[in-house]
Amino acid sequence: SWFGGDAAADVVFAFEGGVRFSFTGSWCSPGLETSWN
């Protein structure tokens, strides 16, 4: 990584009603990049 701090993360949120939202991402992942969205 060319970032000084943590540029990647795995996150799981619990929402009201029990829905789970999972986010996995990185800002230092060249190749086959996703949309900015």
All heavy atoms as atom14 arrays in JSON, in Angstrom:
{
  "sequence": "SWFGGDAAADVVFAFEGGVRFSFTGSWCSPGLETSWN",
  "atom14_mask": [
    [1, 1, 1, 1, 1, 1, 0, 0, 0, 0, 0, 0, 0, 0],
    [1, 1, 1, 1, 1, 1, 1, 1, 1, 1, 1, 1, 1, 1],
    [1, 1, 1, 1, 1, 1, 1, 1, 1, 1, 1, 0, 0, 0],
    [1, 1, 1, 1, 0, 0, 0, 0, 0, 0, 0, 0, 0, 0],
    [1, 1, 1, 1, 0, 0, 0, 0, 0, 0, 0, 0, 0, 0],
    [1, 1, 1, 1, 1, 1, 1, 1, 0, 0, 0, 0, 0, 0],
    [1, 1, 1, 1, 1, 0, 0, 0, 0, 0, 0, 0, 0, 0],
    [1, 1, 1, 1, 1, 0, 0, 0, 0, 0, 0, 0, 0, 0],
    [1, 1, 1, 1, 1, 0, 0, 0, 0, 0, 0, 0, 0, 0],
    [1, 1, 1, 1, 1, 1, 1, 1, 0, 0, 0, 0, 0, 0],
    [1, 1, 1, 1, 1, 1, 1, 0, 0, 0, 0, 0, 0, 0],
    [1, 1, 1, 1, 1, 1, 1, 0, 0, 0, 0, 0, 0, 0],
    [1, 1, 1, 1, 1, 1, 1, 1, 1, 1, 1, 0, 0, 0],
    [1, 1, 1, 1, 1, 0, 0, 0, 0, 0, 0, 0, 0, 0],
    [1, 1, 1, 1, 1, 1, 1, 1, 1, 1, 1, 0, 0, 0],
    [1, 1, 1, 1, 1, 1, 1, 1, 1, 0, 0, 0, 0, 0],
    [1, 1, 1, 1, 0, 0, 0, 0, 0, 0, 0, 0, 0, 0],
    [1, 1, 1, 1, 0, 0, 0, 0, 0, 0, 0, 0, 0, 0],
    [1, 1, 1, 1, 1, 1, 1, 0, 0, 0, 0, 0, 0, 0],
    [1, 1, 1, 1, 1, 1, 1, 1, 1, 1, 1, 0, 0, 0],
    [1, 1, 1, 1, 1, 1, 1, 1, 1, 1, 1, 0, 0, 0],
    [1, 1, 1, 1, 1, 1, 0, 0, 0, 0, 0, 0, 0, 0],
    [1, 1, 1, 1, 1, 1, 1, 1, 1, 1, 1, 0, 0, 0],
    [1, 1, 1, 1, 1, 1, 1, 0, 0, 0, 0, 0, 0, 0],
    [1, 1, 1, 1, 0, 0, 0, 0, 0, 0, 0, 0, 0, 0],
    [1, 1, 1, 1, 1, 1, 0, 0, 0, 0, 0, 0, 0, 0],
    [1, 1, 1, 1, 1, 1, 1, 1, 1, 1, 1, 1, 1, 1],
    [1, 1, 1, 1, 1, 1, 0, 0, 0, 0, 0, 0, 0, 0],
    [1, 1, 1, 1, 1, 1, 0, 0, 0, 0, 0, 0, 0, 0],
    [1, 1, 1, 1, 1, 1, 1, 0, 0, 0, 0, 0, 0, 0],
    [1, 1, 1, 1, 0, 0, 0, 0, 0, 0, 0, 0, 0, 0],
    [1, 1, 1, 1, 1, 1, 1, 1, 0, 0, 0, 0, 0, 0],
    [1, 1, 1, 1, 1, 1, 1, 1, 1, 0, 0, 0, 0, 0],
    [1, 1, 1, 1, 1, 1, 1, 0, 0, 0, 0, 0, 0, 0],
    [1, 1, 1, 1, 1, 1, 0, 0, 0, 0, 0, 0, 0, 0],
    [1, 1, 1, 1, 1, 1, 1, 1, 1, 1, 1, 1, 1, 1],
    [1, 1, 1, 1, 1, 1, 1, 1, 0, 0, 0, 0, 0, 0]
  ],
  "atom14_positions": [
    [[0.82, -1.21, 0.0], [0.0, 0.0, 0.0], [0.86, 1.26, 0.0], [1.89, 1.34, 0.66], [-0.91, 0.01, 1.22], [-1.59, 1.24, 1.32], [0.0, 0.0, 0.0], [0.0, 0.0, 0.0], [0.0, 0.0, 0.0], [0.0, 0.0, 0.0], [0.0, 0.0, 0.0], [0.0, 0.0, 0.0], [0.0, 0.0, 0.0], [0.0, 0.0, 0.0]],
    [[0.41, 2.27, -0.74], [1.04, 3.58, -0.75], [0.36, 4.54, 0.22], [0.68, 5.72, 0.26], [1.04, 4.15, -2.16], [-0.29, 4.09, -2.86], [-1.26, 5.04, -2.9], [-0.79, 2.98, -3.62], [-2.34, 4.62, -3.62], [-2.07, 3.35, -4.09], [-0.28, 1.72, -3.95], [-2.86, 2.5, -4.87], [-1.06, 0.88, -4.72], [-2.34, 1.26, -5.18]],
    [[-0.62, 4.01, 0.99], [-1.29, 4.81, 2.02], [-0.59, 4.6, 3.37], [-0.14, 3.49, 3.69], [-2.75, 4.41, 2.15], [-3.6, 4.83, 0.98], [-3.69, 4.04, -0.16], [-4.3, 6.03, 1.01], [-4.48, 4.43, -1.24], [-5.08, 6.43, -0.07], [-5.16, 5.63, -1.2], [0.0, 0.0, 0.0], [0.0, 0.0, 0.0], [0.0, 0.0, 0.0]],
    [[-0.54, 5.66, 4.17], [0.05, 5.53, 5.49], [-0.83, 4.8, 6.47], [-0.35, 4.07, 7.35], [0.0, 0.0, 0.0], [0.0, 0.0, 0.0], [0.0, 0.0, 0.0], [0.0, 0.0, 0.0], [0.0, 0.0, 0.0], [0.0, 0.0, 0.0], [0.0, 0.0, 0.0], [0.0, 0.0, 0.0], [0.0, 0.0, 0.0], [0.0, 0.0, 0.0]],
    [[-2.15, 4.97, 6.35], [-3.1, 4.32, 7.24], [-3.74, 3.13, 6.57], [-3.36, 2.72, 5.46], [0.0, 0.0, 0.0], [0.0, 0.0, 0.0], [0.0, 0.0, 0.0], [0.0, 0.0, 0.0], [0.0, 0.0, 0.0], [0.0, 0.0, 0.0], [0.0, 0.0, 0.0], [0.0, 0.0, 0.0], [0.0, 0.0, 0.0], [0.0, 0.0, 0.0]],
    [[-4.74, 2.56, 7.24], [-5.42, 1.36, 6.72], [-6.25, 1.69, 5.49], [-7.24, 2.43, 5.58], [-6.31, 0.75, 7.8], [-5.5, 0.08, 8.9], [-4.27, 0.0, 8.76], [-6.11, -0.35, 9.9], [0.0, 0.0, 0.0], [0.0, 0.0, 0.0], [0.0, 0.0, 0.0], [0.0, 0.0, 0.0], [0.0, 0.0, 0.0], [0.0, 0.0, 0.0]],
    [[-5.86, 1.1, 4.36], [-6.54, 1.38, 3.1], [-7.49, 0.27, 2.69], [-8.05, 0.31, 1.59], [-5.51, 1.6, 2.0], [0.0, 0.0, 0.0], [0.0, 0.0, 0.0], [0.0, 0.0, 0.0], [0.0, 0.0, 0.0], [0.0, 0.0, 0.0], [0.0, 0.0, 0.0], [0.0, 0.0, 0.0], [0.0, 0.0, 0.0], [0.0, 0.0, 0.0]],
    [[-7.7, -0.71, 3.56], [-8.6, -1.82, 3.26], [-9.39, -2.17, 4.51], [-8.93, -1.94, 5.64], [-7.82, -3.03, 2.76], [0.0, 0.0, 0.0], [0.0, 0.0, 0.0], [0.0, 0.0, 0.0], [0.0, 0.0, 0.0], [0.0, 0.0, 0.0], [0.0, 0.0, 0.0], [0.0, 0.0, 0.0], [0.0, 0.0, 0.0], [0.0, 0.0, 0.0]],
    [[-10.59, -2.73, 4.31], [-11.44, -3.05, 5.45], [-12.5, -4.08, 5.09], [-12.93, -4.16, 3.93], [-12.12, -1.79, 6.0], [0.0, 0.0, 0.0], [0.0, 0.0, 0.0], [0.0, 0.0, 0.0], [0.0, 0.0, 0.0], [0.0, 0.0, 0.0], [0.0, 0.0, 0.0], [0.0, 0.0, 0.0], [0.0, 0.0, 0.0], [0.0, 0.0, 0.0]],
    [[-12.9, -4.85, 6.09], [-14.05, -5.74, 6.01], [-15.0, -5.33, 7.12], [-14.6, -5.27, 8.29], [-13.64, -7.21, 6.17], [-12.84, -7.7, 4.99], [-13.4, -7.79, 3.89], [-11.63, -7.98, 5.16], [0.0, 0.0, 0.0], [0.0, 0.0, 0.0], [0.0, 0.0, 0.0], [0.0, 0.0, 0.0], [0.0, 0.0, 0.0], [0.0, 0.0, 0.0]],
    [[-16.24, -5.05, 6.76], [-17.19, -4.46, 7.7], [-18.53, -5.18, 7.6], [-19.0, -5.47, 6.5], [-17.41, -2.96, 7.38], [-18.16, -2.26, 8.51], [-16.1, -2.24, 7.08], [0.0, 0.0, 0.0], [0.0, 0.0, 0.0], [0.0, 0.0, 0.0], [0.0, 0.0, 0.0], [0.0, 0.0, 0.0], [0.0, 0.0, 0.0], [0.0, 0.0, 0.0]],
    [[-19.16, -5.45, 8.76], [-20.51, -6.02, 8.78], [-21.37, -5.19, 9.72], [-21.06, -5.06, 10.91], [-20.51, -7.49, 9.23], [-21.95, -8.01, 9.29], [-19.67, -8.36, 8.3], [0.0, 0.0, 0.0], [0.0, 0.0, 0.0], [0.0, 0.0, 0.0], [0.0, 0.0, 0.0], [0.0, 0.0, 0.0], [0.0, 0.0, 0.0], [0.0, 0.0, 0.0]],
    [[-22.45, -4.61, 9.17], [-23.42, -3.87, 9.96], [-24.67, -4.71, 10.17], [-25.13, -5.39, 9.24], [-23.84, -2.59, 9.24], [-22.84, -1.47, 9.31], [-21.92, -1.28, 8.28], [-22.83, -0.59, 10.38], [-21.01, -0.26, 8.32], [-21.92, 0.45, 10.43], [-21.0, 0.62, 9.4], [0.0, 0.0, 0.0], [0.0, 0.0, 0.0], [0.0, 0.0, 0.0]],
    [[-25.24, -4.63, 11.36], [-26.59, -5.15, 11.62], [-27.55, -3.97, 11.57], [-27.28, -2.91, 12.14], [-26.66, -5.81, 12.98], [0.0, 0.0, 0.0], [0.0, 0.0, 0.0], [0.0, 0.0, 0.0], [0.0, 0.0, 0.0], [0.0, 0.0, 0.0], [0.0, 0.0, 0.0], [0.0, 0.0, 0.0], [0.0, 0.0, 0.0], [0.0, 0.0, 0.0]],
    [[-28.65, -4.14, 10.85], [-29.66, -3.09, 10.72], [-30.91, -3.49, 11.5], [-31.08, -4.65, 11.89], [-30.03, -2.9, 9.24], [-29.16, -1.93, 8.51], [-27.84, -2.25, 8.21], [-29.64, -0.69, 8.13], [-27.03, -1.36, 7.53], [-28.84, 0.21, 7.44], [-27.53, -0.12, 7.15], [0.0, 0.0, 0.0], [0.0, 0.0, 0.0], [0.0, 0.0, 0.0]],
    [[-31.77, -2.52, 11.73], [-33.07, -2.79, 12.32], [-33.75, -3.91, 11.52], [-33.7, -3.93, 10.29], [-33.95, -1.54, 12.27], [-33.43, -0.37, 13.09], [-34.15, 0.93, 12.75], [-34.9, 0.96, 11.76], [-33.94, 1.91, 13.48], [0.0, 0.0, 0.0], [0.0, 0.0, 0.0], [0.0, 0.0, 0.0], [0.0, 0.0, 0.0], [0.0, 0.0, 0.0]],
    [[-34.39, -4.82, 12.22], [-35.07, -5.92, 11.56], [-34.18, -7.09, 11.23], [-34.65, -8.1, 10.69], [0.0, 0.0, 0.0], [0.0, 0.0, 0.0], [0.0, 0.0, 0.0], [0.0, 0.0, 0.0], [0.0, 0.0, 0.0], [0.0, 0.0, 0.0], [0.0, 0.0, 0.0], [0.0, 0.0, 0.0], [0.0, 0.0, 0.0], [0.0, 0.0, 0.0]],
    [[-32.88, -6.98, 11.53], [-31.98, -8.11, 11.35], [-31.24, -8.15, 10.03], [-30.44, -9.07, 9.8], [0.0, 0.0, 0.0], [0.0, 0.0, 0.0], [0.0, 0.0, 0.0], [0.0, 0.0, 0.0], [0.0, 0.0, 0.0], [0.0, 0.0, 0.0], [0.0, 0.0, 0.0], [0.0, 0.0, 0.0], [0.0, 0.0, 0.0], [0.0, 0.0, 0.0]],
    [[-31.48, -7.21, 9.13], [-30.76, -7.19, 7.85], [-29.27, -6.98, 8.12], [-28.89, -6.19, 8.98], [-31.3, -6.07, 6.94], [-30.54, -6.06, 5.61], [-32.78, -6.23, 6.71], [0.0, 0.0, 0.0], [0.0, 0.0, 0.0], [0.0, 0.0, 0.0], [0.0, 0.0, 0.0], [0.0, 0.0, 0.0], [0.0, 0.0, 0.0], [0.0, 0.0, 0.0]],
    [[-28.44, -7.69, 7.35], [-27.0, -7.52, 7.46], [-26.48, -6.83, 6.2], [-26.87, -7.19, 5.08], [-26.28, -8.86, 7.63], [-26.57, -9.57, 8.94], [-26.08, -8.75, 10.14], [-26.13, -9.5, 11.38], [-27.18, -9.55, 12.19], [-28.3, -8.92, 11.84], [-27.13, -10.23, 13.31], [0.0, 0.0, 0.0], [0.0, 0.0, 0.0], [0.0, 0.0, 0.0]],
    [[-25.59, -5.88, 6.4], [-24.91, -5.22, 5.29], [-23.42, -5.47, 5.43], [-22.81, -5.12, 6.44], [-25.19, -3.72, 5.29], [-24.25, -2.92, 4.41], [-24.13, -3.22, 3.06], [-23.49, -1.87, 4.93], [-23.26, -2.49, 2.24], [-22.64, -1.14, 4.12], [-22.51, -1.46, 2.77], [0.0, 0.0, 0.0], [0.0, 0.0, 0.0], [0.0, 0.0, 0.0]],
    [[-22.83, -6.09, 4.43], [-21.4, -6.36, 4.46], [-20.7, -5.52, 3.4], [-21.15, -5.42, 2.25], [-21.11, -7.84, 4.23], [-21.6, -8.26, 2.97], [0.0, 0.0, 0.0], [0.0, 0.0, 0.0], [0.0, 0.0, 0.0], [0.0, 0.0, 0.0], [0.0, 0.0, 0.0], [0.0, 0.0, 0.0], [0.0, 0.0, 0.0], [0.0, 0.0, 0.0]],
    [[-19.6, -4.91, 3.8], [-18.78, -4.1, 2.91], [-17.36, -4.61, 2.97], [-16.79, -4.78, 4.06], [-18.82, -2.64, 3.35], [-17.83, -1.74, 2.64], [-18.17, -1.13, 1.44], [-16.56, -1.51, 3.17], [-17.26, -0.3, 0.78], [-15.65, -0.68, 2.52], [-16.0, -0.08, 1.33], [0.0, 0.0, 0.0], [0.0, 0.0, 0.0], [0.0, 0.0, 0.0]],
    [[-16.8, -4.92, 1.83], [-15.38, -5.28, 1.76], [-14.74, -4.42, 0.7], [-15.28, -4.27, -0.41], [-15.18, -6.78, 1.47], [-13.78, -7.08, 1.45], [-15.81, -7.19, 0.14], [0.0, 0.0, 0.0], [0.0, 0.0, 0.0], [0.0, 0.0, 0.0], [0.0, 0.0, 0.0], [0.0, 0.0, 0.0], [0.0, 0.0, 0.0], [0.0, 0.0, 0.0]],
    [[-13.63, -3.79, 1.03], [-13.07, -2.86, 0.07], [-11.61, -2.57, 0.29], [-11.02, -2.88, 1.33], [0.0, 0.0, 0.0], [0.0, 0.0, 0.0], [0.0, 0.0, 0.0], [0.0, 0.0, 0.0], [0.0, 0.0, 0.0], [0.0, 0.0, 0.0], [0.0, 0.0, 0.0], [0.0, 0.0, 0.0], [0.0, 0.0, 0.0], [0.0, 0.0, 0.0]],
    [[-11.01, -1.97, -0.74], [-9.6, -1.59, -0.69], [-9.36, -0.44, -1.64], [-9.95, -0.37, -2.73], [-8.72, -2.77, -1.09], [-7.36, -2.36, -1.24], [0.0, 0.0, 0.0], [0.0, 0.0, 0.0], [0.0, 0.0, 0.0], [0.0, 0.0, 0.0], [0.0, 0.0, 0.0], [0.0, 0.0, 0.0], [0.0, 0.0, 0.0], [0.0, 0.0, 0.0]],
    [[-8.48, 0.47, -1.22], [-8.05, 1.56, -2.06], [-6.66, 1.31, -2.65], [-6.05, 2.21, -3.21], [-8.07, 2.87, -1.28], [-9.18, 3.78, -1.74], [-10.06, 3.57, -2.74], [-9.49, 5.07, -1.19], [-10.92, 4.64, -2.86], [-10.59, 5.58, -1.92], [-8.96, 5.83, -0.16], [-11.16, 6.81, -1.66], [-9.53, 7.07, 0.11], [-10.62, 7.56, -0.63]],
    [[-6.16, 0.1, -2.5], [-4.86, -0.24, -3.1], [-4.99, -1.62, -3.76], [-4.23, -2.53, -3.46], [-3.73, -0.19, -2.08], [-4.02, -1.1, -0.57], [0.0, 0.0, 0.0], [0.0, 0.0, 0.0], [0.0, 0.0, 0.0], [0.0, 0.0, 0.0], [0.0, 0.0, 0.0], [0.0, 0.0, 0.0], [0.0, 0.0, 0.0], [0.0, 0.0, 0.0]],
    [[-5.97, -1.74, -4.64], [-6.28, -3.0, -5.3], [-6.28, -2.82, -6.82], [-7.33, -2.72, -7.45], [-7.63, -3.53, -4.83], [-7.91, -4.78, -5.41], [0.0, 0.0, 0.0], [0.0, 0.0, 0.0], [0.0, 0.0, 0.0], [0.0, 0.0, 0.0], [0.0, 0.0, 0.0], [0.0, 0.0, 0.0], [0.0, 0.0, 0.0], [0.0, 0.0, 0.0]],
    [[-5.09, -2.77, -7.44], [-5.03, -2.54, -8.89], [-5.49, -3.77, -9.67], [-5.28, -4.91, -9.26], [-3.54, -2.26, -9.14], [-2.83, -2.96, -8.01], [-3.75, -2.85, -6.83], [0.0, 0.0, 0.0], [0.0, 0.0, 0.0], [0.0, 0.0, 0.0], [0.0, 0.0, 0.0], [0.0, 0.0, 0.0], [0.0, 0.0, 0.0], [0.0, 0.0, 0.0]],
    [[-6.12, -3.54, -10.81], [-6.59, -4.62, -11.66], [-8.04, -4.99, -11.37], [-8.42, -5.14, -10.22], [0.0, 0.0, 0.0], [0.0, 0.0, 0.0], [0.0, 0.0, 0.0], [0.0, 0.0, 0.0], [0.0, 0.0, 0.0], [0.0, 0.0, 0.0], [0.0, 0.0, 0.0], [0.0, 0.0, 0.0], [0.0, 0.0, 0.0], [0.0, 0.0, 0.0]],
    [[-8.83, -5.13, -12.44], [-10.24, -5.53, -12.32], [-10.98, -4.68, -11.29], [-11.73, -5.17, -10.45], [-10.36, -7.01, -11.97], [-9.79, -7.99, -13.01], [-9.91, -9.43, -12.49], [-10.49, -7.84, -14.36], [0.0, 0.0, 0.0], [0.0, 0.0, 0.0], [0.0, 0.0, 0.0], [0.0, 0.0, 0.0], [0.0, 0.0, 0.0], [0.0, 0.0, 0.0]],
    [[-10.77, -3.38, -11.36], [-11.35, -2.49, -10.36], [-12.87, -2.41, -10.52], [-13.41, -2.56, -11.61], [-10.74, -1.09, -10.48], [-9.25, -1.08, -10.15], [-8.65, 0.31, -10.21], [-9.41, 1.31, -10.22], [-7.41, 0.4, -10.24], [0.0, 0.0, 0.0], [0.0, 0.0, 0.0], [0.0, 0.0, 0.0], [0.0, 0.0, 0.0], [0.0, 0.0, 0.0]],
    [[-13.54, -2.16, -9.41], [-15.0, -1.98, -9.42], [-15.33, -0.54, -9.79], [-14.46, 0.32, -9.91], [-15.6, -2.26, -8.04], [-15.13, -1.26, -7.11], [-15.25, -3.64, -7.53], [0.0, 0.0, 0.0], [0.0, 0.0, 0.0], [0.0, 0.0, 0.0], [0.0, 0.0, 0.0], [0.0, 0.0, 0.0], [0.0, 0.0, 0.0], [0.0, 0.0, 0.0]],
    [[-16.6, -0.28, -9.94], [-17.1, 1.08, -10.07], [-16.78, 1.86, -8.8], [-16.62, 1.3, -7.71], [-18.62, 1.03, -10.28], [-19.22, 2.29, -10.01], [0.0, 0.0, 0.0], [0.0, 0.0, 0.0], [0.0, 0.0, 0.0], [0.0, 0.0, 0.0], [0.0, 0.0, 0.0], [0.0, 0.0, 0.0], [0.0, 0.0, 0.0], [0.0, 0.0, 0.0]],
    [[-16.74, 3.19, -8.92], [-16.63, 4.03, -7.72], [-17.85, 3.86, -6.83], [-17.8, 4.16, -5.64], [-16.46, 5.49, -8.12], [-15.04, 5.83, -8.48], [-14.52, 5.96, -9.72], [-13.96, 6.05, -7.56], [-13.18, 6.26, -9.65], [-12.81, 6.34, -8.34], [-13.85, 6.05, -6.18], [-11.57, 6.6, -7.77], [-12.61, 6.32, -5.61], [-11.49, 6.6, -6.39]],
    [[-18.96, 3.4, -7.38], [-20.14, 3.14, -6.56], [-20.06, 1.8, -5.84], [-20.85, 1.53, -4.93], [-21.4, 3.16, -7.42], [-21.76, 4.55, -7.88], [-21.66, 5.5, -7.12], [-22.14, 4.69, -9.14], [0.0, 0.0, 0.0], [0.0, 0.0, 0.0], [0.0, 0.0, 0.0], [0.0, 0.0, 0.0], [0.0, 0.0, 0.0], [0.0, 0.0, 0.0]]
  ]
}
